[in-house]
Amino acid sequence: MKQGTPLPHRVHVLPWLRRPGSVMLRNWLAITIGRHILAWRDLEPRELRHELEHVRQWAEFGPAFAARYLRASFRAWRGGARWYHDNPYEVAARAAEDRPD
């Protein structure tokens, strides 16, 4: 796919997800599974760019992305870093937040 071309995706806004999602991450907003972005509220453009990076990661690695993501979190935690914030897939998604549309 050409660089900068948006990947097919769908945002599902489900307010009831806020409480169960906060069990794992206090300030969570969304989770991406394949091309589906599940959020408890509408996303700001910057937040959408973050989640679209996860859509790209799913497209690159397919279903194996889930295991790769969990493994990266475990490695960060095992190395003394923060399991979420220092996960390389999250680092890439935060970098994508600042890319122009």
PDB file of N, CA and C in Angstrom:
ATOM      1  N   MET A   1       0.833  -1.177   0.000  1.00  0.00           N
ATOM      2  CA  MET A   1       0.000   0.000   0.000  1.00  0.00           C
ATOM      3  C   MET A   1       0.879   1.242   0.000  1.00  0.00           C
ATOM      4  N   LYS A   2       0.504   2.231  -0.773  1.00  0.00           N
ATOM      5  CA  LYS A   2       1.262   3.469  -0.902  1.00  0.00           C
ATOM      6  C   LYS A   2       1.343   4.202   0.444  1.00  0.00           C
ATOM      7  N   GLN A   3       2.545   4.735   0.748  1.00  0.00           N
ATOM      8  CA  GLN A   3       2.764   5.480   1.983  1.00  0.00           C
ATOM      9  C   GLN A   3       1.756   6.620   2.091  1.00  0.00           C
ATOM     10  N   GLY A   4       1.139   6.762   3.239  1.00  0.00           N
ATOM     11  CA  GLY A   4       0.189   7.839   3.461  1.00  0.00           C
ATOM     12  C   GLY A   4      -1.241   7.494   3.064  1.00  0.00           C
ATOM     13  N   THR A   5      -1.434   6.362   2.393  1.00  0.00           N
ATOM     14  CA  THR A   5      -2.783   5.946   2.020  1.00  0.00           C
ATOM     15  C   THR A   5      -3.465   5.363   3.254  1.00  0.00           C
ATOM     16  N   PRO A   6      -4.638   5.898   3.621  1.00  0.00           N
ATOM     17  CA  PRO A   6      -5.303   5.370   4.819  1.00  0.00           C
ATOM     18  C   PRO A   6      -5.740   3.918   4.627  1.00  0.00           C
ATOM     19  N   LEU A   7      -5.551   3.140   5.655  1.00  0.00           N
ATOM     20  CA  LEU A   7      -5.994   1.751   5.627  1.00  0.00           C
ATOM     21  C   LEU A   7      -7.485   1.696   5.933  1.00  0.00           C
ATOM     22  N   PRO A   8      -8.178   0.705   5.377  1.00  0.00           N
ATOM     23  CA  PRO A   8      -9.591   0.563   5.728  1.00  0.00           C
ATOM     24  C   PRO A   8      -9.721   0.326   7.233  1.00  0.00           C
ATOM     25  N   HIS A   9     -10.642   1.014   7.832  1.00  0.00           N
ATOM     26  CA  HIS A   9     -10.859   0.864   9.267  1.00  0.00           C
ATOM     27  C   HIS A   9     -12.289   1.277   9.611  1.00  0.00           C
ATOM     28  N   ARG A  10     -12.700   0.917  10.805  1.00  0.00           N
ATOM     29  CA  ARG A  10     -14.005   1.329  11.292  1.00  0.00           C
ATOM     30  C   ARG A  10     -13.877   1.627  12.775  1.00  0.00           C
ATOM     31  N   VAL A  11     -14.396   2.774  13.183  1.00  0.00           N
ATOM     32  CA  VAL A  11     -14.387   3.159  14.591  1.00  0.00           C
ATOM     33  C   VAL A  11     -15.763   2.835  15.168  1.00  0.00           C
ATOM     34  N   HIS A  12     -15.761   2.088  16.249  1.00  0.00           N
ATOM     35  CA  HIS A  12     -16.987   1.736  16.962  1.00  0.00           C
ATOM     36  C   HIS A  12     -16.957   2.473  18.301  1.00  0.00           C
ATOM     37  N   VAL A  13     -17.887   3.374  18.535  1.00  0.00           N
ATOM     38  CA  VAL A  13     -17.950   4.102  19.795  1.00  0.00           C
ATOM     39  C   VAL A  13     -18.969   3.400  20.691  1.00  0.00           C
ATOM     40  N   LEU A  14     -18.466   2.838  21.781  1.00  0.00           N
ATOM     41  CA  LEU A  14     -19.281   2.061  22.714  1.00  0.00           C
ATOM     42  C   LEU A  14     -19.022   2.574  24.131  1.00  0.00           C
ATOM     43  N   PRO A  15     -19.819   3.543  24.596  1.00  0.00           N
ATOM     44  CA  PRO A  15     -19.553   4.159  25.911  1.00  0.00           C
ATOM     45  C   PRO A  15     -19.456   3.166  27.068  1.00  0.00           C
ATOM     46  N   TRP A  16     -20.161   2.061  27.006  1.00  0.00           N
ATOM     47  CA  TRP A  16     -20.142   1.090  28.100  1.00  0.00           C
ATOM     48  C   TRP A  16     -18.768   0.432  28.278  1.00  0.00           C
ATOM     49  N   LEU A  17     -17.869   0.569  27.291  1.00  0.00           N
ATOM     50  CA  LEU A  17     -16.532  -0.032  27.404  1.00  0.00           C
ATOM     51  C   LEU A  17     -15.614   0.704  28.378  1.00  0.00           C
ATOM     52  N   ARG A  18     -15.987   1.921  28.760  1.00  0.00           N
ATOM     53  CA  ARG A  18     -15.078   2.709  29.603  1.00  0.00           C
ATOM     54  C   ARG A  18     -14.710   1.990  30.897  1.00  0.00           C
ATOM     55  N   ARG A  19     -15.696   1.494  31.596  1.00  0.00           N
ATOM     56  CA  ARG A  19     -15.422   0.865  32.893  1.00  0.00           C
ATOM     57  C   ARG A  19     -14.617  -0.428  32.766  1.00  0.00           C
ATOM     58  N   PRO A  20     -15.029  -1.392  31.941  1.00  0.00           N
ATOM     59  CA  PRO A  20     -14.217  -2.617  31.888  1.00  0.00           C
ATOM     60  C   PRO A  20     -12.800  -2.370  31.370  1.00  0.00           C
ATOM     61  N   GLY A  21     -12.627  -1.422  30.453  1.00  0.00           N
ATOM     62  CA  GLY A  21     -11.293  -1.134  29.941  1.00  0.00           C
ATOM     63  C   GLY A  21     -10.382  -0.524  30.974  1.00  0.00           C
ATOM     64  N   SER A  22     -10.963   0.216  31.920  1.00  0.00           N
ATOM     65  CA  SER A  22     -10.139   0.890  32.927  1.00  0.00           C
ATOM     66  C   SER A  22      -9.572  -0.083  33.958  1.00  0.00           C
ATOM     67  N   VAL A  23      -9.993  -1.343  33.906  1.00  0.00           N
ATOM     68  CA  VAL A  23      -9.416  -2.343  34.811  1.00  0.00           C
ATOM     69  C   VAL A  23      -7.936  -2.545  34.489  1.00  0.00           C
ATOM     70  N   MET A  24      -7.589  -2.576  33.190  1.00  0.00           N
ATOM     71  CA  MET A  24      -6.193  -2.773  32.787  1.00  0.00           C
ATOM     72  C   MET A  24      -5.418  -1.463  32.705  1.00  0.00           C
ATOM     73  N   LEU A  25      -6.046  -0.438  32.181  1.00  0.00           N
ATOM     74  CA  LEU A  25      -5.387   0.865  32.017  1.00  0.00           C
ATOM     75  C   LEU A  25      -6.326   1.946  32.529  1.00  0.00           C
ATOM     76  N   ARG A  26      -5.908   2.647  33.532  1.00  0.00           N
ATOM     77  CA  ARG A  26      -6.757   3.654  34.175  1.00  0.00           C
ATOM     78  C   ARG A  26      -7.296   4.684  33.180  1.00  0.00           C
ATOM     79  N   ASN A  27      -6.474   5.192  32.299  1.00  0.00           N
ATOM     80  CA  ASN A  27      -6.889   6.253  31.383  1.00  0.00           C
ATOM     81  C   ASN A  27      -7.061   5.769  29.949  1.00  0.00           C
ATOM     82  N   TRP A  28      -7.483   4.554  29.772  1.00  0.00           N
ATOM     83  CA  TRP A  28      -7.597   3.990  28.426  1.00  0.00           C
ATOM     84  C   TRP A  28      -8.695   4.692  27.640  1.00  0.00           C
ATOM     85  N   LEU A  29      -8.560   4.663  26.332  1.00  0.00           N
ATOM     86  CA  LEU A  29      -9.544   5.282  25.445  1.00  0.00           C
ATOM     87  C   LEU A  29     -10.043   4.305  24.394  1.00  0.00           C
ATOM     88  N   ALA A  30      -9.138   3.534  23.795  1.00  0.00           N
ATOM     89  CA  ALA A  30      -9.533   2.683  22.673  1.00  0.00           C
ATOM     90  C   ALA A  30      -8.628   1.464  22.599  1.00  0.00           C
ATOM     91  N   ILE A  31      -9.120   0.463  21.885  1.00  0.00           N
ATOM     92  CA  ILE A  31      -8.322  -0.711  21.562  1.00  0.00           C
ATOM     93  C   ILE A  31      -8.608  -1.042  20.098  1.00  0.00           C
ATOM     94  N   THR A  32      -7.580  -1.452  19.401  1.00  0.00           N
ATOM     95  CA  THR A  32      -7.715  -1.780  17.986  1.00  0.00           C
ATOM     96  C   THR A  32      -7.524  -3.283  17.805  1.00  0.00           C
ATOM     97  N   ILE A  33      -8.463  -3.885  17.109  1.00  0.00           N
ATOM     98  CA  ILE A  33      -8.388  -5.306  16.787  1.00  0.00           C
ATOM     99  C   ILE A  33      -8.603  -5.419  15.282  1.00  0.00           C
ATOM    100  N   GLY A  34      -7.534  -5.741  14.583  1.00  0.00           N
ATOM    101  CA  GLY A  34      -7.616  -5.767  13.122  1.00  0.00           C
ATOM    102  C   GLY A  34      -7.875  -4.361  12.597  1.00  0.00           C
ATOM    103  N   ARG A  35      -8.928  -4.209  11.822  1.00  0.00           N
ATOM    104  CA  ARG A  35      -9.251  -2.874  11.295  1.00  0.00           C
ATOM    105  C   ARG A  35     -10.338  -2.189  12.106  1.00  0.00           C
ATOM    106  N   HIS A  36     -10.711  -2.786  13.230  1.00  0.00           N
ATOM    107  CA  HIS A  36     -11.774  -2.248  14.081  1.00  0.00           C
ATOM    108  C   HIS A  36     -11.182  -1.530  15.286  1.00  0.00           C
ATOM    109  N   ILE A  37     -11.563  -0.291  15.453  1.00  0.00           N
ATOM    110  CA  ILE A  37     -11.130   0.526  16.579  1.00  0.00           C
ATOM    111  C   ILE A  37     -12.328   0.647  17.514  1.00  0.00           C
ATOM    112  N   LEU A  38     -12.180   0.114  18.723  1.00  0.00           N
ATOM    113  CA  LEU A  38     -13.246   0.165  19.719  1.00  0.00           C
ATOM    114  C   LEU A  38     -12.892   1.250  20.725  1.00  0.00           C
ATOM    115  N   ALA A  39     -13.746   2.248  20.852  1.00  0.00           N
ATOM    116  CA  ALA A  39     -13.489   3.374  21.750  1.00  0.00           C
ATOM    117  C   ALA A  39     -14.731   3.638  22.585  1.00  0.00           C
ATOM    118  N   TRP A  40     -14.520   4.216  23.768  1.00  0.00           N
ATOM    119  CA  TRP A  40     -15.675   4.525  24.602  1.00  0.00           C
ATOM    120  C   TRP A  40     -16.209   5.936  24.342  1.00  0.00           C
ATOM    121  N   ARG A  41     -15.488   6.713  23.524  1.00  0.00           N
ATOM    122  CA  ARG A  41     -15.967   8.036  23.107  1.00  0.00           C
ATOM    123  C   ARG A  41     -15.381   8.345  21.736  1.00  0.00           C
ATOM    124  N   ASP A  42     -15.896   9.406  21.093  1.00  0.00           N
ATOM    125  CA  ASP A  42     -15.335   9.828  19.813  1.00  0.00           C
ATOM    126  C   ASP A  42     -13.861  10.173  19.988  1.00  0.00           C
ATOM    127  N   LEU A  43     -13.082   9.906  18.963  1.00  0.00           N
ATOM    128  CA  LEU A  43     -11.641  10.156  19.006  1.00  0.00           C
ATOM    129  C   LEU A  43     -11.307  11.504  18.387  1.00  0.00           C
ATOM    130  N   GLU A  44     -10.373  12.190  19.010  1.00  0.00           N
ATOM    131  CA  GLU A  44      -9.794  13.401  18.430  1.00  0.00           C
ATOM    132  C   GLU A  44      -8.870  12.963  17.290  1.00  0.00           C
ATOM    133  N   PRO A  45      -8.563  13.847  16.341  1.00  0.00           N
ATOM    134  CA  PRO A  45      -7.692  13.459  15.215  1.00  0.00           C
ATOM    135  C   PRO A  45      -6.365  12.828  15.656  1.00  0.00           C
ATOM    136  N   ARG A  46      -5.738  13.378  16.668  1.00  0.00           N
ATOM    137  CA  ARG A  46      -4.461  12.842  17.161  1.00  0.00           C
ATOM    138  C   ARG A  46      -4.651  11.416  17.695  1.00  0.00           C
ATOM    139  N   GLU A  47      -5.737  11.197  18.421  1.00  0.00           N
ATOM    140  CA  GLU A  47      -6.018   9.873  18.965  1.00  0.00           C
ATOM    141  C   GLU A  47      -6.315   8.878  17.845  1.00  0.00           C
ATOM    142  N   LEU A  48      -7.017   9.344  16.831  1.00  0.00           N
ATOM    143  CA  LEU A  48      -7.308   8.468  15.692  1.00  0.00           C
ATOM    144  C   LEU A  48      -6.020   8.073  14.979  1.00  0.00           C
ATOM    145  N   ARG A  49      -5.081   9.011  14.808  1.00  0.00           N
ATOM    146  CA  ARG A  49      -3.798   8.668  14.176  1.00  0.00           C
ATOM    147  C   ARG A  49      -3.070   7.595  14.979  1.00  0.00           C
ATOM    148  N   HIS A  50      -3.156   7.681  16.305  1.00  0.00           N
ATOM    149  CA  HIS A  50      -2.544   6.665  17.175  1.00  0.00           C
ATOM    150  C   HIS A  50      -3.158   5.296  16.864  1.00  0.00           C
ATOM    151  N   GLU A  51      -4.472   5.229  16.858  1.00  0.00           N
ATOM    152  CA  GLU A  51      -5.141   3.947  16.616  1.00  0.00           C
ATOM    153  C   GLU A  51      -4.929   3.454  15.185  1.00  0.00           C
ATOM    154  N   LEU A  52      -4.836   4.369  14.237  1.00  0.00           N
ATOM    155  CA  LEU A  52      -4.583   3.949  12.849  1.00  0.00           C
ATOM    156  C   LEU A  52      -3.199   3.329  12.697  1.00  0.00           C
ATOM    157  N   GLU A  53      -2.258   3.735  13.536  1.00  0.00           N
ATOM    158  CA  GLU A  53      -0.956   3.065  13.520  1.00  0.00           C
ATOM    159  C   GLU A  53      -1.126   1.618  13.959  1.00  0.00           C
ATOM    160  N   HIS A  54      -1.998   1.364  14.921  1.00  0.00           N
ATOM    161  CA  HIS A  54      -2.265  -0.017  15.321  1.00  0.00           C
ATOM    162  C   HIS A  54      -2.981  -0.782  14.203  1.00  0.00           C
ATOM    163  N   VAL A  55      -3.872  -0.117  13.453  1.00  0.00           N
ATOM    164  CA  VAL A  55      -4.488  -0.765  12.290  1.00  0.00           C
ATOM    165  C   VAL A  55      -3.395  -1.180  11.304  1.00  0.00           C
ATOM    166  N   ARG A  56      -2.421  -0.285  11.080  1.00  0.00           N
ATOM    167  CA  ARG A  56      -1.311  -0.590  10.182  1.00  0.00           C
ATOM    168  C   ARG A  56      -0.509  -1.782  10.703  1.00  0.00           C
ATOM    169  N   GLN A  57      -0.253  -1.815  12.013  1.00  0.00           N
ATOM    170  CA  GLN A  57       0.499  -2.921  12.606  1.00  0.00           C
ATOM    171  C   GLN A  57      -0.256  -4.243  12.436  1.00  0.00           C
ATOM    172  N   TRP A  58      -1.566  -4.223  12.650  1.00  0.00           N
ATOM    173  CA  TRP A  58      -2.370  -5.429  12.424  1.00  0.00           C
ATOM    174  C   TRP A  58      -2.282  -5.851  10.960  1.00  0.00           C
ATOM    175  N   ALA A  59      -2.344  -4.880  10.043  1.00  0.00           N
ATOM    176  CA  ALA A  59      -2.273  -5.207   8.610  1.00  0.00           C
ATOM    177  C   ALA A  59      -0.916  -5.820   8.265  1.00  0.00           C
ATOM    178  N   GLU A  60       0.132  -5.332   8.883  1.00  0.00           N
ATOM    179  CA  GLU A  60       1.479  -5.848   8.601  1.00  0.00           C
ATOM    180  C   GLU A  60       1.681  -7.262   9.130  1.00  0.00           C
ATOM    181  N   PHE A  61       1.223  -7.532  10.342  1.00  0.00           N
ATOM    182  CA  PHE A  61       1.523  -8.803  10.999  1.00  0.00           C
ATOM    183  C   PHE A  61       0.352  -9.779  11.031  1.00  0.00           C
ATOM    184  N   GLY A  62      -0.831  -9.327  10.670  1.00  0.00           N
ATOM    185  CA  GLY A  62      -1.998 -10.208  10.690  1.00  0.00           C
ATOM    186  C   GLY A  62      -2.348 -10.626  12.107  1.00  0.00           C
ATOM    187  N   PRO A  63      -3.017 -11.762  12.244  1.00  0.00           N
ATOM    188  CA  PRO A  63      -3.445 -12.216  13.573  1.00  0.00           C
ATOM    189  C   PRO A  63      -2.281 -12.420  14.553  1.00  0.00           C
ATOM    190  N   ALA A  64      -1.082 -12.627  14.032  1.00  0.00           N
ATOM    191  CA  ALA A  64       0.083 -12.800  14.907  1.00  0.00           C
ATOM    192  C   ALA A  64       0.423 -11.513  15.656  1.00  0.00           C
ATOM    193  N   PHE A  65      -0.165 -10.396  15.247  1.00  0.00           N
ATOM    194  CA  PHE A  65       0.141  -9.135  15.925  1.00  0.00           C
ATOM    195  C   PHE A  65      -0.225  -9.195  17.401  1.00  0.00           C
ATOM    196  N   ALA A  66      -1.327  -9.832  17.743  1.00  0.00           N
ATOM    197  CA  ALA A  66      -1.734  -9.902  19.152  1.00  0.00           C
ATOM    198  C   ALA A  66      -0.624 -10.527  19.999  1.00  0.00           C
ATOM    199  N   ALA A  67      -0.069 -11.639  19.544  1.00  0.00           N
ATOM    200  CA  ALA A  67       1.011 -12.306  20.284  1.00  0.00           C
ATOM    201  C   ALA A  67       2.274 -11.444  20.290  1.00  0.00           C
ATOM    202  N   ARG A  68       2.575 -10.802  19.180  1.00  0.00           N
ATOM    203  CA  ARG A  68       3.759  -9.931  19.105  1.00  0.00           C
ATOM    204  C   ARG A  68       3.624  -8.773  20.095  1.00  0.00           C
ATOM    205  N   TYR A  69       2.437  -8.192  20.172  1.00  0.00           N
ATOM    206  CA  TYR A  69       2.183  -7.066  21.081  1.00  0.00           C
ATOM    207  C   TYR A  69       2.374  -7.521  22.531  1.00  0.00           C
ATOM    208  N   LEU A  70       1.758  -8.643  22.890  1.00  0.00           N
ATOM    209  CA  LEU A  70       1.886  -9.143  24.262  1.00  0.00           C
ATOM    210  C   LEU A  70       3.333  -9.487  24.600  1.00  0.00           C
ATOM    211  N   ARG A  71       4.035 -10.088  23.653  1.00  0.00           N
ATOM    212  CA  ARG A  71       5.448 -10.417  23.868  1.00  0.00           C
ATOM    213  C   ARG A  71       6.272  -9.144  24.083  1.00  0.00           C
ATOM    214  N   ALA A  72       6.002  -8.109  23.297  1.00  0.00           N
ATOM    215  CA  ALA A  72       6.730  -6.838  23.452  1.00  0.00           C
ATOM    216  C   ALA A  72       6.440  -6.210  24.816  1.00  0.00           C
ATOM    217  N   SER A  73       5.204  -6.302  25.276  1.00  0.00           N
ATOM    218  CA  SER A  73       4.866  -5.776  26.610  1.00  0.00           C
ATOM    219  C   SER A  73       5.601  -6.545  27.695  1.00  0.00           C
ATOM    220  N   PHE A  74       5.634  -7.870  27.568  1.00  0.00           N
ATOM    221  CA  PHE A  74       6.323  -8.697  28.549  1.00  0.00           C
ATOM    222  C   PHE A  74       7.816  -8.372  28.575  1.00  0.00           C
ATOM    223  N   ARG A  75       8.411  -8.223  27.395  1.00  0.00           N
ATOM    224  CA  ARG A  75       9.845  -7.907  27.339  1.00  0.00           C
ATOM    225  C   ARG A  75      10.145  -6.550  27.965  1.00  0.00           C
ATOM    226  N   ALA A  76       9.280  -5.576  27.726  1.00  0.00           N
ATOM    227  CA  ALA A  76       9.474  -4.259  28.339  1.00  0.00           C
ATOM    228  C   ALA A  76       9.415  -4.389  29.858  1.00  0.00           C
ATOM    229  N   TRP A  77       8.394  -5.073  30.352  1.00  0.00           N
ATOM    230  CA  TRP A  77       8.215  -5.251  31.794  1.00  0.00           C
ATOM    231  C   TRP A  77       9.384  -6.020  32.403  1.00  0.00           C
ATOM    232  N   ARG A  78       9.779  -7.120  31.748  1.00  0.00           N
ATOM    233  CA  ARG A  78      10.877  -7.944  32.244  1.00  0.00           C
ATOM    234  C   ARG A  78      12.185  -7.148  32.289  1.00  0.00           C
ATOM    235  N   GLY A  79      12.335  -6.203  31.348  1.00  0.00           N
ATOM    236  CA  GLY A  79      13.542  -5.387  31.308  1.00  0.00           C
ATOM    237  C   GLY A  79      13.513  -4.194  32.254  1.00  0.00           C
ATOM    238  N   GLY A  80      12.459  -4.102  33.071  1.00  0.00           N
ATOM    239  CA  GLY A  80      12.381  -3.014  34.036  1.00  0.00           C
ATOM    240  C   GLY A  80      11.688  -1.769  33.521  1.00  0.00           C
ATOM    241  N   ALA A  81      11.148  -1.844  32.321  1.00  0.00           N
ATOM    242  CA  ALA A  81      10.435  -0.696  31.743  1.00  0.00           C
ATOM    243  C   ALA A  81       8.937  -0.854  32.020  1.00  0.00           C
ATOM    244  N   ARG A  82       8.174   0.092  31.529  1.00  0.00           N
ATOM    245  CA  ARG A  82       6.719   0.050  31.697  1.00  0.00           C
ATOM    246  C   ARG A  82       6.116  -0.805  30.584  1.00  0.00           C
ATOM    247  N   TRP A  83       5.285  -1.763  30.955  1.00  0.00           N
ATOM    248  CA  TRP A  83       4.768  -2.753  29.999  1.00  0.00           C
ATOM    249  C   TRP A  83       3.959  -2.127  28.884  1.00  0.00           C
ATOM    250  N   TYR A  84       3.248  -1.043  29.145  1.00  0.00           N
ATOM    251  CA  TYR A  84       2.425  -0.405  28.115  1.00  0.00           C
ATOM    252  C   TYR A  84       3.187   0.744  27.448  1.00  0.00           C
ATOM    253  N   HIS A  85       3.619   1.675  28.237  1.00  0.00           N
ATOM    254  CA  HIS A  85       4.232   2.893  27.697  1.00  0.00           C
ATOM    255  C   HIS A  85       5.497   2.604  26.886  1.00  0.00           C
ATOM    256  N   ASP A  86       6.258   1.623  27.296  1.00  0.00           N
ATOM    257  CA  ASP A  86       7.524   1.324  26.626  1.00  0.00           C
ATOM    258  C   ASP A  86       7.435   0.187  25.612  1.00  0.00           C
ATOM    259  N   ASN A  87       6.233  -0.319  25.378  1.00  0.00           N
ATOM    260  CA  ASN A  87       6.027  -1.309  24.323  1.00  0.00           C
ATOM    261  C   ASN A  87       6.351  -0.631  22.986  1.00  0.00           C
ATOM    262  N   PRO A  88       7.235  -1.195  22.159  1.00  0.00           N
ATOM    263  CA  PRO A  88       7.617  -0.533  20.906  1.00  0.00           C
ATOM    264  C   PRO A  88       6.439  -0.234  19.968  1.00  0.00           C
ATOM    265  N   TYR A  89       5.384  -1.034  20.046  1.00  0.00           N
ATOM    266  CA  TYR A  89       4.210  -0.768  19.200  1.00  0.00           C
ATOM    267  C   TYR A  89       3.463   0.474  19.693  1.00  0.00           C
ATOM    268  N   GLU A  90       3.476   0.705  20.998  1.00  0.00           N
ATOM    269  CA  GLU A  90       2.873   1.924  21.543  1.00  0.00           C
ATOM    270  C   GLU A  90       3.763   3.136  21.269  1.00  0.00           C
ATOM    271  N   VAL A  91       5.062   2.938  21.326  1.00  0.00           N
ATOM    272  CA  VAL A  91       5.996   4.028  21.004  1.00  0.00           C
ATOM    273  C   VAL A  91       5.746   4.482  19.562  1.00  0.00           C
ATOM    274  N   ALA A  92       5.594   3.521  18.641  1.00  0.00           N
ATOM    275  CA  ALA A  92       5.320   3.852  17.236  1.00  0.00           C
ATOM    276  C   ALA A  92       3.966   4.546  17.086  1.00  0.00           C
ATOM    277  N   ALA A  93       2.981   4.098  17.846  1.00  0.00           N
ATOM    278  CA  ALA A  93       1.653   4.712  17.753  1.00  0.00           C
ATOM    279  C   ALA A  93       1.675   6.141  18.285  1.00  0.00           C
ATOM    280  N   ARG A  94       2.428   6.380  19.354  1.00  0.00           N
ATOM    281  CA  ARG A  94       2.539   7.764  19.854  1.00  0.00           C
ATOM    282  C   ARG A  94       3.267   8.649  18.847  1.00  0.00           C
ATOM    283  N   ALA A  95       4.265   8.106  18.176  1.00  0.00           N
ATOM    284  CA  ALA A  95       4.972   8.879  17.141  1.00  0.00           C
ATOM    285  C   ALA A  95       4.020   9.240  15.997  1.00  0.00           C
ATOM    286  N   ALA A  96       3.107   8.328  15.681  1.00  0.00           N
ATOM    287  CA  ALA A  96       2.146   8.566  14.588  1.00  0.00           C
ATOM    288  C   ALA A  96       1.171   9.692  14.938  1.00  0.00           C
ATOM    289  N   GLU A  97       0.975   9.958  16.209  1.00  0.00           N
ATOM    290  CA  GLU A  97       0.046  11.017  16.625  1.00  0.00           C
ATOM    291  C   GLU A  97       0.445  12.373  16.042  1.00  0.00           C
ATOM    292  N   ASP A  98       1.735  12.594  15.876  1.00  0.00           N
ATOM    293  CA  ASP A  98       2.234  13.896  15.432  1.00  0.00           C
ATOM    294  C   ASP A  98       2.415  13.999  13.929  1.00  0.00           C
ATOM    295  N   ARG A  99       2.136  12.921  13.208  1.00  0.00           N
ATOM    296  CA  ARG A  99       2.250  12.977  11.749  1.00  0.00           C
ATOM    297  C   ARG A  99       1.111  13.809  11.173  1.00  0.00           C
ATOM    298  N   PRO A 100       1.389  14.555  10.113  1.00  0.00           N
ATOM    299  CA  PRO A 100       0.305  15.313   9.484  1.00  0.00           C
ATOM    300  C   PRO A 100      -0.698  14.364   8.826  1.00  0.00           C
ATOM    301  N   ASP A 101      -1.917  14.799   8.754  1.00  0.00           N
ATOM    302  CA  ASP A 101      -2.968  13.983   8.102  1.00  0.00           C
ATOM    303  C   ASP A 101      -2.727  13.847   6.618  1.00  0.00           C
TER     304      ASP A 101
END
